[in-house]
Amino acid sequence: MLIRYRKNYEKIAMGLLSFMPSEKDLKKLQQTIKNYEVNDDWQLFLWKEDDDIIGIIGILLLDDRIAEIQHISVNPSHRHQGIGKQMVKALKEMFPQYEFRANAFTAAFIDRCE
């Protein structure tokens, strides 16, 4: 189930985002989290199963029709179980009015989800 990011999930969110190659640097990671916290066009969601948060997906709303998937990551111990695909599907259901696009860091994964 997708849940919206809140400040009290910051450490979990940073941990999951740190698995992305573009977010290895701590200062970059902190700036990314700040963007999600202060910018309404940046939307961050966590994937929760049972009582564990095991995935994260973030989008940038480019306009009223297009959203770019900025980040997607799943805890390594839960990979290859279709969780990333479930997150993308849930996001598309949550925002049916948007066309979703990938960025350079998420394109390879998003292509496999289609």
PDB file of N, CA and C in Angstrom:
ATOM      1  N   MET A   1       0.839  -1.168   0.000  1.00  0.00           N
ATOM      2  CA  MET A   1       0.000   0.000   0.000  1.00  0.00           C
ATOM      3  C   MET A   1       0.891   1.241   0.000  1.00  0.00           C
ATOM      4  N   LEU A   2       0.562   2.190  -0.863  1.00  0.00           N
ATOM      5  CA  LEU A   2       1.299   3.448  -0.902  1.00  0.00           C
ATOM      6  C   LEU A   2       0.801   4.377   0.192  1.00  0.00           C
ATOM      7  N   ILE A   3       1.738   4.971   0.910  1.00  0.00           N
ATOM      8  CA  ILE A   3       1.392   5.997   1.895  1.00  0.00           C
ATOM      9  C   ILE A   3       2.228   7.229   1.598  1.00  0.00           C
ATOM     10  N   ARG A   4       1.658   8.376   1.862  1.00  0.00           N
ATOM     11  CA  ARG A   4       2.347   9.631   1.596  1.00  0.00           C
ATOM     12  C   ARG A   4       3.466   9.846   2.622  1.00  0.00           C
ATOM     13  N   TYR A   5       4.584  10.379   2.141  1.00  0.00           N
ATOM     14  CA  TYR A   5       5.733  10.673   2.998  1.00  0.00           C
ATOM     15  C   TYR A   5       5.348  11.724   4.039  1.00  0.00           C
ATOM     16  N   ARG A   6       5.823  11.507   5.250  1.00  0.00           N
ATOM     17  CA  ARG A   6       5.738  12.497   6.322  1.00  0.00           C
ATOM     18  C   ARG A   6       7.110  12.616   6.962  1.00  0.00           C
ATOM     19  N   LYS A   7       7.337  13.733   7.632  1.00  0.00           N
ATOM     20  CA  LYS A   7       8.641  14.023   8.237  1.00  0.00           C
ATOM     21  C   LYS A   7       9.101  12.902   9.185  1.00  0.00           C
ATOM     22  N   ASN A   8       8.175  12.260   9.887  1.00  0.00           N
ATOM     23  CA  ASN A   8       8.600  11.212  10.827  1.00  0.00           C
ATOM     24  C   ASN A   8       9.092   9.945  10.111  1.00  0.00           C
ATOM     25  N   TYR A   9       8.961   9.891   8.777  1.00  0.00           N
ATOM     26  CA  TYR A   9       9.515   8.777   7.998  1.00  0.00           C
ATOM     27  C   TYR A   9      10.861   9.141   7.369  1.00  0.00           C
ATOM     28  N   GLU A  10      11.427  10.265   7.767  1.00  0.00           N
ATOM     29  CA  GLU A  10      12.623  10.781   7.104  1.00  0.00           C
ATOM     30  C   GLU A  10      13.779   9.777   7.067  1.00  0.00           C
ATOM     31  N   LYS A  11      14.112   9.149   8.183  1.00  0.00           N
ATOM     32  CA  LYS A  11      15.248   8.217   8.207  1.00  0.00           C
ATOM     33  C   LYS A  11      15.002   7.007   7.307  1.00  0.00           C
ATOM     34  N   ILE A  12      13.786   6.484   7.341  1.00  0.00           N
ATOM     35  CA  ILE A  12      13.451   5.343   6.483  1.00  0.00           C
ATOM     36  C   ILE A  12      13.541   5.755   5.023  1.00  0.00           C
ATOM     37  N   ALA A  13      12.981   6.926   4.706  1.00  0.00           N
ATOM     38  CA  ALA A  13      13.000   7.422   3.326  1.00  0.00           C
ATOM     39  C   ALA A  13      14.430   7.634   2.844  1.00  0.00           C
ATOM     40  N   MET A  14      15.266   8.226   3.679  1.00  0.00           N
ATOM     41  CA  MET A  14      16.664   8.448   3.288  1.00  0.00           C
ATOM     42  C   MET A  14      17.381   7.120   3.076  1.00  0.00           C
ATOM     43  N   GLY A  15      17.101   6.150   3.925  1.00  0.00           N
ATOM     44  CA  GLY A  15      17.719   4.837   3.766  1.00  0.00           C
ATOM     45  C   GLY A  15      17.340   4.189   2.446  1.00  0.00           C
ATOM     46  N   LEU A  16      16.058   4.240   2.098  1.00  0.00           N
ATOM     47  CA  LEU A  16      15.607   3.636   0.848  1.00  0.00           C
ATOM     48  C   LEU A  16      16.126   4.412  -0.361  1.00  0.00           C
ATOM     49  N   LEU A  17      16.105   5.738  -0.293  1.00  0.00           N
ATOM     50  CA  LEU A  17      16.616   6.540  -1.412  1.00  0.00           C
ATOM     51  C   LEU A  17      18.114   6.340  -1.613  1.00  0.00           C
ATOM     52  N   SER A  18      18.826   6.039  -0.543  1.00  0.00           N
ATOM     53  CA  SER A  18      20.280   5.881  -0.656  1.00  0.00           C
ATOM     54  C   SER A  18      20.681   4.680  -1.506  1.00  0.00           C
ATOM     55  N   PHE A  19      19.742   3.770  -1.784  1.00  0.00           N
ATOM     56  CA  PHE A  19      20.037   2.642  -2.673  1.00  0.00           C
ATOM     57  C   PHE A  19      20.105   3.069  -4.139  1.00  0.00           C
ATOM     58  N   MET A  20      19.603   4.277  -4.447  1.00  0.00           N
ATOM     59  CA  MET A  20      19.663   4.766  -5.832  1.00  0.00           C
ATOM     60  C   MET A  20      21.055   5.321  -6.106  1.00  0.00           C
ATOM     61  N   PRO A  21      21.640   4.987  -7.240  1.00  0.00           N
ATOM     62  CA  PRO A  21      22.989   5.471  -7.558  1.00  0.00           C
ATOM     63  C   PRO A  21      23.124   6.998  -7.509  1.00  0.00           C
ATOM     64  N   SER A  22      22.062   7.711  -7.854  1.00  0.00           N
ATOM     65  CA  SER A  22      22.123   9.172  -7.875  1.00  0.00           C
ATOM     66  C   SER A  22      22.066   9.788  -6.479  1.00  0.00           C
ATOM     67  N   GLU A  23      21.795   8.990  -5.468  1.00  0.00           N
ATOM     68  CA  GLU A  23      21.603   9.522  -4.113  1.00  0.00           C
ATOM     69  C   GLU A  23      22.631   8.990  -3.109  1.00  0.00           C
ATOM     70  N   LYS A  24      23.805   8.636  -3.568  1.00  0.00           N
ATOM     71  CA  LYS A  24      24.832   8.078  -2.677  1.00  0.00           C
ATOM     72  C   LYS A  24      25.456   9.143  -1.767  1.00  0.00           C
ATOM     73  N   ASP A  25      25.582  10.370  -2.274  1.00  0.00           N
ATOM     74  CA  ASP A  25      26.190  11.464  -1.510  1.00  0.00           C
ATOM     75  C   ASP A  25      25.193  11.980  -0.466  1.00  0.00           C
ATOM     76  N   LEU A  26      25.624  12.101   0.794  1.00  0.00           N
ATOM     77  CA  LEU A  26      24.736  12.498   1.884  1.00  0.00           C
ATOM     78  C   LEU A  26      24.125  13.878   1.659  1.00  0.00           C
ATOM     79  N   LYS A  27      24.918  14.838   1.209  1.00  0.00           N
ATOM     80  CA  LYS A  27      24.388  16.186   0.975  1.00  0.00           C
ATOM     81  C   LYS A  27      23.330  16.176  -0.127  1.00  0.00           C
ATOM     82  N   LYS A  28      23.558  15.409  -1.176  1.00  0.00           N
ATOM     83  CA  LYS A  28      22.586  15.285  -2.262  1.00  0.00           C
ATOM     84  C   LYS A  28      21.304  14.637  -1.740  1.00  0.00           C
ATOM     85  N   LEU A  29      21.454  13.607  -0.939  1.00  0.00           N
ATOM     86  CA  LEU A  29      20.313  12.898  -0.360  1.00  0.00           C
ATOM     87  C   LEU A  29      19.495  13.827   0.537  1.00  0.00           C
ATOM     88  N   GLN A  30      20.162  14.609   1.364  1.00  0.00           N
ATOM     89  CA  GLN A  30      19.465  15.551   2.236  1.00  0.00           C
ATOM     90  C   GLN A  30      18.717  16.606   1.415  1.00  0.00           C
ATOM     91  N   GLN A  31      19.320  17.063   0.329  1.00  0.00           N
ATOM     92  CA  GLN A  31      18.664  18.048  -0.531  1.00  0.00           C
ATOM     93  C   GLN A  31      17.441  17.438  -1.209  1.00  0.00           C
ATOM     94  N   THR A  32      17.543  16.192  -1.625  1.00  0.00           N
ATOM     95  CA  THR A  32      16.411  15.506  -2.253  1.00  0.00           C
ATOM     96  C   THR A  32      15.241  15.412  -1.285  1.00  0.00           C
ATOM     97  N   ILE A  33      15.509  15.002  -0.055  1.00  0.00           N
ATOM     98  CA  ILE A  33      14.450  14.908   0.961  1.00  0.00           C
ATOM     99  C   ILE A  33      13.841  16.281   1.200  1.00  0.00           C
ATOM    100  N   LYS A  34      14.672  17.304   1.278  1.00  0.00           N
ATOM    101  CA  LYS A  34      14.171  18.668   1.486  1.00  0.00           C
ATOM    102  C   LYS A  34      13.250  19.081   0.334  1.00  0.00           C
ATOM    103  N   ASN A  35      13.633  18.744  -0.908  1.00  0.00           N
ATOM    104  CA  ASN A  35      12.778  19.064  -2.055  1.00  0.00           C
ATOM    105  C   ASN A  35      11.400  18.435  -1.905  1.00  0.00           C
ATOM    106  N   TYR A  36      11.364  17.183  -1.464  1.00  0.00           N
ATOM    107  CA  TYR A  36      10.085  16.503  -1.276  1.00  0.00           C
ATOM    108  C   TYR A  36       9.273  17.128  -0.132  1.00  0.00           C
ATOM    109  N   GLU A  37       9.957  17.680   0.856  1.00  0.00           N
ATOM    110  CA  GLU A  37       9.258  18.258   2.005  1.00  0.00           C
ATOM    111  C   GLU A  37       8.705  19.662   1.728  1.00  0.00           C
ATOM    112  N   VAL A  38       9.404  20.456   0.926  1.00  0.00           N
ATOM    113  CA  VAL A  38       9.011  21.863   0.773  1.00  0.00           C
ATOM    114  C   VAL A  38       8.361  22.209  -0.561  1.00  0.00           C
ATOM    115  N   ASN A  39       8.509  21.377  -1.559  1.00  0.00           N
ATOM    116  CA  ASN A  39       7.996  21.687  -2.889  1.00  0.00           C
ATOM    117  C   ASN A  39       6.749  20.847  -3.170  1.00  0.00           C
ATOM    118  N   ASP A  40       5.632  21.512  -3.414  1.00  0.00           N
ATOM    119  CA  ASP A  40       4.369  20.798  -3.658  1.00  0.00           C
ATOM    120  C   ASP A  40       4.397  19.956  -4.926  1.00  0.00           C
ATOM    121  N   ASP A  41       5.263  20.297  -5.878  1.00  0.00           N
ATOM    122  CA  ASP A  41       5.348  19.537  -7.126  1.00  0.00           C
ATOM    123  C   ASP A  41       6.142  18.244  -6.963  1.00  0.00           C
ATOM    124  N   TRP A  42       6.862  18.107  -5.859  1.00  0.00           N
ATOM    125  CA  TRP A  42       7.609  16.885  -5.561  1.00  0.00           C
ATOM    126  C   TRP A  42       6.762  16.064  -4.593  1.00  0.00           C
ATOM    127  N   GLN A  43       6.377  14.866  -5.001  1.00  0.00           N
ATOM    128  CA  GLN A  43       5.530  13.998  -4.187  1.00  0.00           C
ATOM    129  C   GLN A  43       6.272  12.691  -3.899  1.00  0.00           C
ATOM    130  N   LEU A  44       6.355  12.325  -2.633  1.00  0.00           N
ATOM    131  CA  LEU A  44       7.077  11.125  -2.227  1.00  0.00           C
ATOM    132  C   LEU A  44       6.121  10.174  -1.516  1.00  0.00           C
ATOM    133  N   PHE A  45       6.221   8.893  -1.878  1.00  0.00           N
ATOM    134  CA  PHE A  45       5.349   7.870  -1.303  1.00  0.00           C
ATOM    135  C   PHE A  45       6.190   6.677  -0.858  1.00  0.00           C
ATOM    136  N   LEU A  46       5.738   6.049   0.213  1.00  0.00           N
ATOM    137  CA  LEU A  46       6.405   4.861   0.742  1.00  0.00           C
ATOM    138  C   LEU A  46       5.490   3.667   0.533  1.00  0.00           C
ATOM    139  N   TRP A  47       6.092   2.502   0.327  1.00  0.00           N
ATOM    140  CA  TRP A  47       5.326   1.266   0.143  1.00  0.00           C
ATOM    141  C   TRP A  47       5.381   0.489   1.444  1.00  0.00           C
ATOM    142  N   LYS A  48       4.195   0.225   1.993  1.00  0.00           N
ATOM    143  CA  LYS A  48       4.104  -0.463   3.278  1.00  0.00           C
ATOM    144  C   LYS A  48       3.407  -1.798   3.098  1.00  0.00           C
ATOM    145  N   GLU A  49       4.037  -2.847   3.593  1.00  0.00           N
ATOM    146  CA  GLU A  49       3.438  -4.180   3.627  1.00  0.00           C
ATOM    147  C   GLU A  49       3.509  -4.666   5.060  1.00  0.00           C
ATOM    148  N   ASP A  50       2.375  -5.134   5.549  1.00  0.00           N
ATOM    149  CA  ASP A  50       2.245  -5.490   6.962  1.00  0.00           C
ATOM    150  C   ASP A  50       2.606  -4.237   7.758  1.00  0.00           C
ATOM    151  N   ASP A  51       3.606  -4.280   8.589  1.00  0.00           N
ATOM    152  CA  ASP A  51       4.009  -3.089   9.345  1.00  0.00           C
ATOM    153  C   ASP A  51       5.365  -2.563   8.898  1.00  0.00           C
ATOM    154  N   ASP A  52       5.867  -3.054   7.770  1.00  0.00           N
ATOM    155  CA  ASP A  52       7.191  -2.661   7.301  1.00  0.00           C
ATOM    156  C   ASP A  52       7.106  -1.759   6.075  1.00  0.00           C
ATOM    157  N   ILE A  53       7.945  -0.735   6.077  1.00  0.00           N
ATOM    158  CA  ILE A  53       8.079   0.122   4.891  1.00  0.00           C
ATOM    159  C   ILE A  53       9.255  -0.439   4.106  1.00  0.00           C
ATOM    160  N   ILE A  54       8.979  -0.894   2.875  1.00  0.00           N
ATOM    161  CA  ILE A  54      10.000  -1.616   2.122  1.00  0.00           C
ATOM    162  C   ILE A  54      10.314  -0.994   0.758  1.00  0.00           C
ATOM    163  N   GLY A  55       9.612   0.071   0.403  1.00  0.00           N
ATOM    164  CA  GLY A  55       9.869   0.698  -0.886  1.00  0.00           C
ATOM    165  C   GLY A  55       9.541   2.169  -0.861  1.00  0.00           C
ATOM    166  N   ILE A  56      10.032   2.865  -1.880  1.00  0.00           N
ATOM    167  CA  ILE A  56       9.798   4.308  -1.980  1.00  0.00           C
ATOM    168  C   ILE A  56       9.709   4.686  -3.448  1.00  0.00           C
ATOM    169  N   ILE A  57       8.835   5.639  -3.754  1.00  0.00           N
ATOM    170  CA  ILE A  57       8.716   6.137  -5.116  1.00  0.00           C
ATOM    171  C   ILE A  57       8.408   7.631  -5.032  1.00  0.00           C
ATOM    172  N   GLY A  58       9.121   8.400  -5.835  1.00  0.00           N
ATOM    173  CA  GLY A  58       8.941   9.847  -5.825  1.00  0.00           C
ATOM    174  C   GLY A  58       8.702  10.375  -7.222  1.00  0.00           C
ATOM    175  N   ILE A  59       7.798  11.354  -7.310  1.00  0.00           N
ATOM    176  CA  ILE A  59       7.470  11.934  -8.611  1.00  0.00           C
ATOM    177  C   ILE A  59       7.616  13.447  -8.567  1.00  0.00           C
ATOM    178  N   LEU A  60       7.799  14.008  -9.751  1.00  0.00           N
ATOM    179  CA  LEU A  60       7.808  15.454  -9.943  1.00  0.00           C
ATOM    180  C   LEU A  60       6.666  15.768 -10.885  1.00  0.00           C
ATOM    181  N   LEU A  61       5.710  16.576 -10.425  1.00  0.00           N
ATOM    182  CA  LEU A  61       4.576  16.972 -11.248  1.00  0.00           C
ATOM    183  C   LEU A  61       5.039  18.109 -12.147  1.00  0.00           C
ATOM    184  N   LEU A  62       5.215  17.813 -13.431  1.00  0.00           N
ATOM    185  CA  LEU A  62       5.753  18.793 -14.370  1.00  0.00           C
ATOM    186  C   LEU A  62       4.698  19.805 -14.789  1.00  0.00           C
ATOM    187  N   ASP A  63       3.483  19.357 -14.967  1.00  0.00           N
ATOM    188  CA  ASP A  63       2.347  20.229 -15.258  1.00  0.00           C
ATOM    189  C   ASP A  63       1.092  19.475 -14.845  1.00  0.00           C
ATOM    190  N   ASP A  64      -0.064  19.881 -15.331  1.00  0.00           N
ATOM    191  CA  ASP A  64      -1.299  19.221 -14.891  1.00  0.00           C
ATOM    192  C   ASP A  64      -1.591  17.911 -15.609  1.00  0.00           C
ATOM    193  N   ARG A  65      -0.670  17.447 -16.470  1.00  0.00           N
ATOM    194  CA  ARG A  65      -0.872  16.200 -17.208  1.00  0.00           C
ATOM    195  C   ARG A  65       0.305  15.234 -17.127  1.00  0.00           C
ATOM    196  N   ILE A  66       1.486  15.727 -16.804  1.00  0.00           N
ATOM    197  CA  ILE A  66       2.697  14.897 -16.877  1.00  0.00           C
ATOM    198  C   ILE A  66       3.396  14.859 -15.517  1.00  0.00           C
ATOM    199  N   ALA A  67       3.734  13.654 -15.106  1.00  0.00           N
ATOM    200  CA  ALA A  67       4.500  13.441 -13.879  1.00  0.00           C
ATOM    201  C   ALA A  67       5.725  12.600 -14.229  1.00  0.00           C
ATOM    202  N   GLU A  68       6.861  12.991 -13.693  1.00  0.00           N
ATOM    203  CA  GLU A  68       8.106  12.267 -13.943  1.00  0.00           C
ATOM    204  C   GLU A  68       8.474  11.470 -12.701  1.00  0.00           C
ATOM    205  N   ILE A  69       8.729  10.190 -12.890  1.00  0.00           N
ATOM    206  CA  ILE A  69       9.160   9.355 -11.769  1.00  0.00           C
ATOM    207  C   ILE A  69      10.643   9.642 -11.525  1.00  0.00           C
ATOM    208  N   GLN A  70      10.903  10.320 -10.418  1.00  0.00           N
ATOM    209  CA  GLN A  70      12.253  10.759 -10.058  1.00  0.00           C
ATOM    210  C   GLN A  70      13.057   9.672  -9.352  1.00  0.00           C
ATOM    211  N   HIS A  71      12.395   8.959  -8.472  1.00  0.00           N
ATOM    212  CA  HIS A  71      13.064   7.959  -7.631  1.00  0.00           C
ATOM    213  C   HIS A  71      12.176   6.734  -7.481  1.00  0.00           C
ATOM    214  N   ILE A  72      12.794   5.587  -7.456  1.00  0.00           N
ATOM    215  CA  ILE A  72      12.094   4.342  -7.109  1.00  0.00           C
ATOM    216  C   ILE A  72      13.128   3.384  -6.525  1.00  0.00           C
ATOM    217  N   SER A  73      12.804   2.842  -5.374  1.00  0.00           N
ATOM    218  CA  SER A  73      13.750   1.964  -4.703  1.00  0.00           C
ATOM    219  C   SER A  73      12.992   0.990  -3.805  1.00  0.00           C
ATOM    220  N   VAL A  74      13.517  -0.220  -3.732  1.00  0.00           N
ATOM    221  CA  VAL A  74      12.958  -1.260  -2.872  1.00  0.00           C
ATOM    222  C   VAL A  74      14.082  -1.804  -2.003  1.00  0.00           C
ATOM    223  N   ASN A  75      13.767  -2.071  -0.763  1.00  0.00           N
ATOM    224  CA  ASN A  75      14.733  -2.668   0.146  1.00  0.00           C
ATOM    225  C   ASN A  75      15.319  -3.918  -0.523  1.00  0.00           C
ATOM    226  N   PRO A  76      16.646  -4.062  -0.542  1.00  0.00           N
ATOM    227  CA  PRO A  76      17.264  -5.200  -1.238  1.00  0.00           C
ATOM    228  C   PRO A  76      16.737  -6.569  -0.828  1.00  0.00           C
ATOM    229  N   SER A  77      16.341  -6.736   0.412  1.00  0.00           N
ATOM    230  CA  SER A  77      15.838  -8.050   0.845  1.00  0.00           C
ATOM    231  C   SER A  77      14.423  -8.328   0.329  1.00  0.00           C
ATOM    232  N   HIS A  78      13.796  -7.348  -0.319  1.00  0.00           N
ATOM    233  CA  HIS A  78      12.447  -7.531  -0.855  1.00  0.00           C
ATOM    234  C   HIS A  78      12.399  -7.358  -2.375  1.00  0.00           C
ATOM    235  N   ARG A  79      13.548  -7.328  -3.008  1.00  0.00           N
ATOM    236  CA  ARG A  79      13.581  -7.138  -4.456  1.00  0.00           C
ATOM    237  C   ARG A  79      13.201  -8.419  -5.189  1.00  0.00           C
ATOM    238  N   HIS A  80      12.873  -8.256  -6.465  1.00  0.00           N
ATOM    239  CA  HIS A  80      12.500  -9.360  -7.357  1.00  0.00           C
ATOM    240  C   HIS A  80      11.208 -10.050  -6.910  1.00  0.00           C
ATOM    241  N   GLN A  81      10.330  -9.271  -6.268  1.00  0.00           N
ATOM    242  CA  GLN A  81       9.034  -9.791  -5.843  1.00  0.00           C
ATOM    243  C   GLN A  81       7.889  -8.988  -6.469  1.00  0.00           C
ATOM    244  N   GLY A  82       8.224  -8.078  -7.377  1.00  0.00           N
ATOM    245  CA  GLY A  82       7.190  -7.284  -8.047  1.00  0.00           C
ATOM    246  C   GLY A  82       6.744  -6.049  -7.292  1.00  0.00           C
ATOM    247  N   ILE A  83       7.449  -5.683  -6.238  1.00  0.00           N
ATOM    248  CA  ILE A  83       7.043  -4.532  -5.428  1.00  0.00           C
ATOM    249  C   ILE A  83       7.181  -3.225  -6.205  1.00  0.00           C
ATOM    250  N   GLY A  84       8.255  -3.073  -6.953  1.00  0.00           N
ATOM    251  CA  GLY A  84       8.424  -1.871  -7.768  1.00  0.00           C
ATOM    252  C   GLY A  84       7.290  -1.706  -8.758  1.00  0.00           C
ATOM    253  N   LYS A  85       6.918  -2.783  -9.403  1.00  0.00           N
ATOM    254  CA  LYS A  85       5.793  -2.739 -10.345  1.00  0.00           C
ATOM    255  C   LYS A  85       4.497  -2.384  -9.628  1.00  0.00           C
ATOM    256  N   GLN A  86       4.305  -2.931  -8.437  1.00  0.00           N
ATOM    257  CA  GLN A  86       3.105  -2.618  -7.660  1.00  0.00           C
ATOM    258  C   GLN A  86       3.068  -1.139  -7.288  1.00  0.00           C
ATOM    259  N   MET A  87       4.223  -0.572  -6.957  1.00  0.00           N
ATOM    260  CA  MET A  87       4.276   0.850  -6.616  1.00  0.00           C
ATOM    261  C   MET A  87       3.902   1.712  -7.813  1.00  0.00           C
ATOM    262  N   VAL A  88       4.444   1.389  -8.980  1.00  0.00           N
ATOM    263  CA  VAL A  88       4.131   2.150 -10.197  1.00  0.00           C
ATOM    264  C   VAL A  88       2.640   2.036 -10.506  1.00  0.00           C
ATOM    265  N   LYS A  89       2.089   0.839 -10.406  1.00  0.00           N
ATOM    266  CA  LYS A  89       0.665   0.626 -10.680  1.00  0.00           C
ATOM    267  C   LYS A  89      -0.202   1.419  -9.702  1.00  0.00           C
ATOM    268  N   ALA A  90       0.131   1.380  -8.425  1.00  0.00           N
ATOM    269  CA  ALA A  90      -0.634   2.106  -7.410  1.00  0.00           C
ATOM    270  C   ALA A  90      -0.559   3.618  -7.642  1.00  0.00           C
ATOM    271  N   LEU A  91       0.596   4.085  -8.061  1.00  0.00           N
ATOM    272  CA  LEU A  91       0.763   5.511  -8.345  1.00  0.00           C
ATOM    273  C   LEU A  91      -0.102   5.937  -9.527  1.00  0.00           C
ATOM    274  N   LYS A  92      -0.142   5.110 -10.561  1.00  0.00           N
ATOM    275  CA  LYS A  92      -0.973   5.411 -11.730  1.00  0.00           C
ATOM    276  C   LYS A  92      -2.456   5.406 -11.358  1.00  0.00           C
ATOM    277  N   GLU A  93      -2.845   4.540 -10.433  1.00  0.00           N
ATOM    278  CA  GLU A  93      -4.236   4.520  -9.976  1.00  0.00           C
ATOM    279  C   GLU A  93      -4.551   5.741  -9.109  1.00  0.00           C
ATOM    280  N   MET A  94      -3.560   6.203  -8.350  1.00  0.00           N
ATOM    281  CA  MET A  94      -3.736   7.359  -7.479  1.00  0.00           C
ATOM    282  C   MET A  94      -3.822   8.666  -8.278  1.00  0.00           C
ATOM    283  N   PHE A  95      -3.120   8.706  -9.411  1.00  0.00           N
ATOM    284  CA  PHE A  95      -3.060   9.901 -10.255  1.00  0.00           C
ATOM    285  C   PHE A  95      -3.471   9.545 -11.688  1.00  0.00           C
ATOM    286  N   PRO A  96      -4.732   9.152 -11.910  1.00  0.00           N
ATOM    287  CA  PRO A  96      -5.135   8.689 -13.249  1.00  0.00           C
ATOM    288  C   PRO A  96      -5.073   9.774 -14.321  1.00  0.00           C
ATOM    289  N   GLN A  97      -5.094  11.034 -13.915  1.00  0.00           N
ATOM    290  CA  GLN A  97      -5.082  12.127 -14.882  1.00  0.00           C
ATOM    291  C   GLN A  97      -3.681  12.411 -15.432  1.00  0.00           C
ATOM    292  N   TYR A  98      -2.665  11.754 -14.885  1.00  0.00           N
ATOM    293  CA  TYR A  98      -1.277  12.011 -15.284  1.00  0.00           C
ATOM    294  C   TYR A  98      -0.726  10.938 -16.220  1.00  0.00           C
ATOM    295  N   GLU A  99       0.102  11.396 -17.121  1.00  0.00           N
ATOM    296  CA  GLU A  99       0.932  10.498 -17.926  1.00  0.00           C
ATOM    297  C   GLU A  99       2.265  10.432 -17.194  1.00  0.00           C
ATOM    298  N   PHE A 100       2.727   9.231 -16.922  1.00  0.00           N
ATOM    299  CA  PHE A 100       3.975   9.076 -16.180  1.00  0.00           C
ATOM    300  C   PHE A 100       5.137   8.837 -17.124  1.00  0.00           C
ATOM    301  N   ARG A 101       6.237   9.522 -16.813  1.00  0.00           N
ATOM    302  CA  ARG A 101       7.481   9.368 -17.569  1.00  0.00           C
ATOM    303  C   ARG A 101       8.606   9.083 -16.590  1.00  0.00           C
ATOM    304  N   ALA A 102       9.627   8.468 -17.109  1.00  0.00           N
ATOM    305  CA  ALA A 102      10.806   8.183 -16.288  1.00  0.00           C
ATOM    306  C   ALA A 102      11.861   9.255 -16.534  1.00  0.00           C
ATOM    307  N   ASN A 103      12.800   9.372 -15.614  1.00  0.00           N
ATOM    308  CA  ASN A 103      13.976  10.203 -15.860  1.00  0.00           C
ATOM    309  C   ASN A 103      15.153   9.277 -16.167  1.00  0.00           C
ATOM    310  N   ALA A 104      16.331   9.827 -16.302  1.00  0.00           N
ATOM    311  CA  ALA A 104      17.503   9.024 -16.677  1.00  0.00           C
ATOM    312  C   ALA A 104      17.803   7.928 -15.648  1.00  0.00           C
ATOM    313  N   PHE A 105      17.492   8.182 -14.376  1.00  0.00           N
ATOM    314  CA  PHE A 105      17.818   7.224 -13.325  1.00  0.00           C
ATOM    315  C   PHE A 105      16.762   6.134 -13.156  1.00  0.00           C
ATOM    316  N   THR A 106      15.532   6.396 -13.608  1.00  0.00           N
ATOM    317  CA  THR A 106      14.453   5.422 -13.408  1.00  0.00           C
ATOM    318  C   THR A 106      14.000   4.762 -14.708  1.00  0.00           C
ATOM    319  N   ALA A 107      14.505   5.218 -15.836  1.00  0.00           N
ATOM    320  CA  ALA A 107      14.019   4.742 -17.143  1.00  0.00           C
ATOM    321  C   ALA A 107      14.155   3.230 -17.322  1.00  0.00           C
ATOM    322  N   ALA A 108      15.300   2.667 -16.982  1.00  0.00           N
ATOM    323  CA  ALA A 108      15.514   1.231 -17.205  1.00  0.00           C
ATOM    324  C   ALA A 108      14.492   0.405 -16.428  1.00  0.00           C
ATOM    325  N   PHE A 109      14.239   0.786 -15.191  1.00  0.00           N
ATOM    326  CA  PHE A 109      13.276   0.034 -14.392  1.00  0.00           C
ATOM    327  C   PHE A 109      11.861   0.240 -14.904  1.00  0.00           C
ATOM    328  N   ILE A 110      11.491   1.458 -15.189  1.00  0.00           N
ATOM    329  CA  ILE A 110      10.120   1.766 -15.628  1.00  0.00           C
ATOM    330  C   ILE A 110       9.834   1.050 -16.949  1.00  0.00           C
ATOM    331  N   ASP A 111      10.813   0.977 -17.832  1.00  0.00           N
ATOM    332  CA  ASP A 111      10.633   0.246 -19.091  1.00  0.00           C
ATOM    333  C   ASP A 111      10.289  -1.217 -18.839  1.00  0.00           C
ATOM    334  N   ARG A 112      10.887  -1.811 -17.808  1.00  0.00           N
ATOM    335  CA  ARG A 112      10.588  -3.218 -17.486  1.00  0.00           C
ATOM    336  C   ARG A 112       9.202  -3.386 -16.868  1.00  0.00           C
ATOM    337  N   CYS A 113       8.649  -2.298 -16.301  1.00  0.00           N
ATOM    338  CA  CYS A 113       7.324  -2.366 -15.665  1.00  0.00           C
ATOM    339  C   CYS A 113       6.210  -2.342 -16.698  1.00  0.00           C
ATOM    340  N   GLU A 114       6.482  -1.829 -17.862  1.00  0.00           N
ATOM    341  CA  GLU A 114       5.431  -1.676 -18.883  1.00  0.00           C
ATOM    342  C   GLU A 114       5.092  -3.008 -19.517  1.00  0.00           C
TER     343      GLU A 114
END
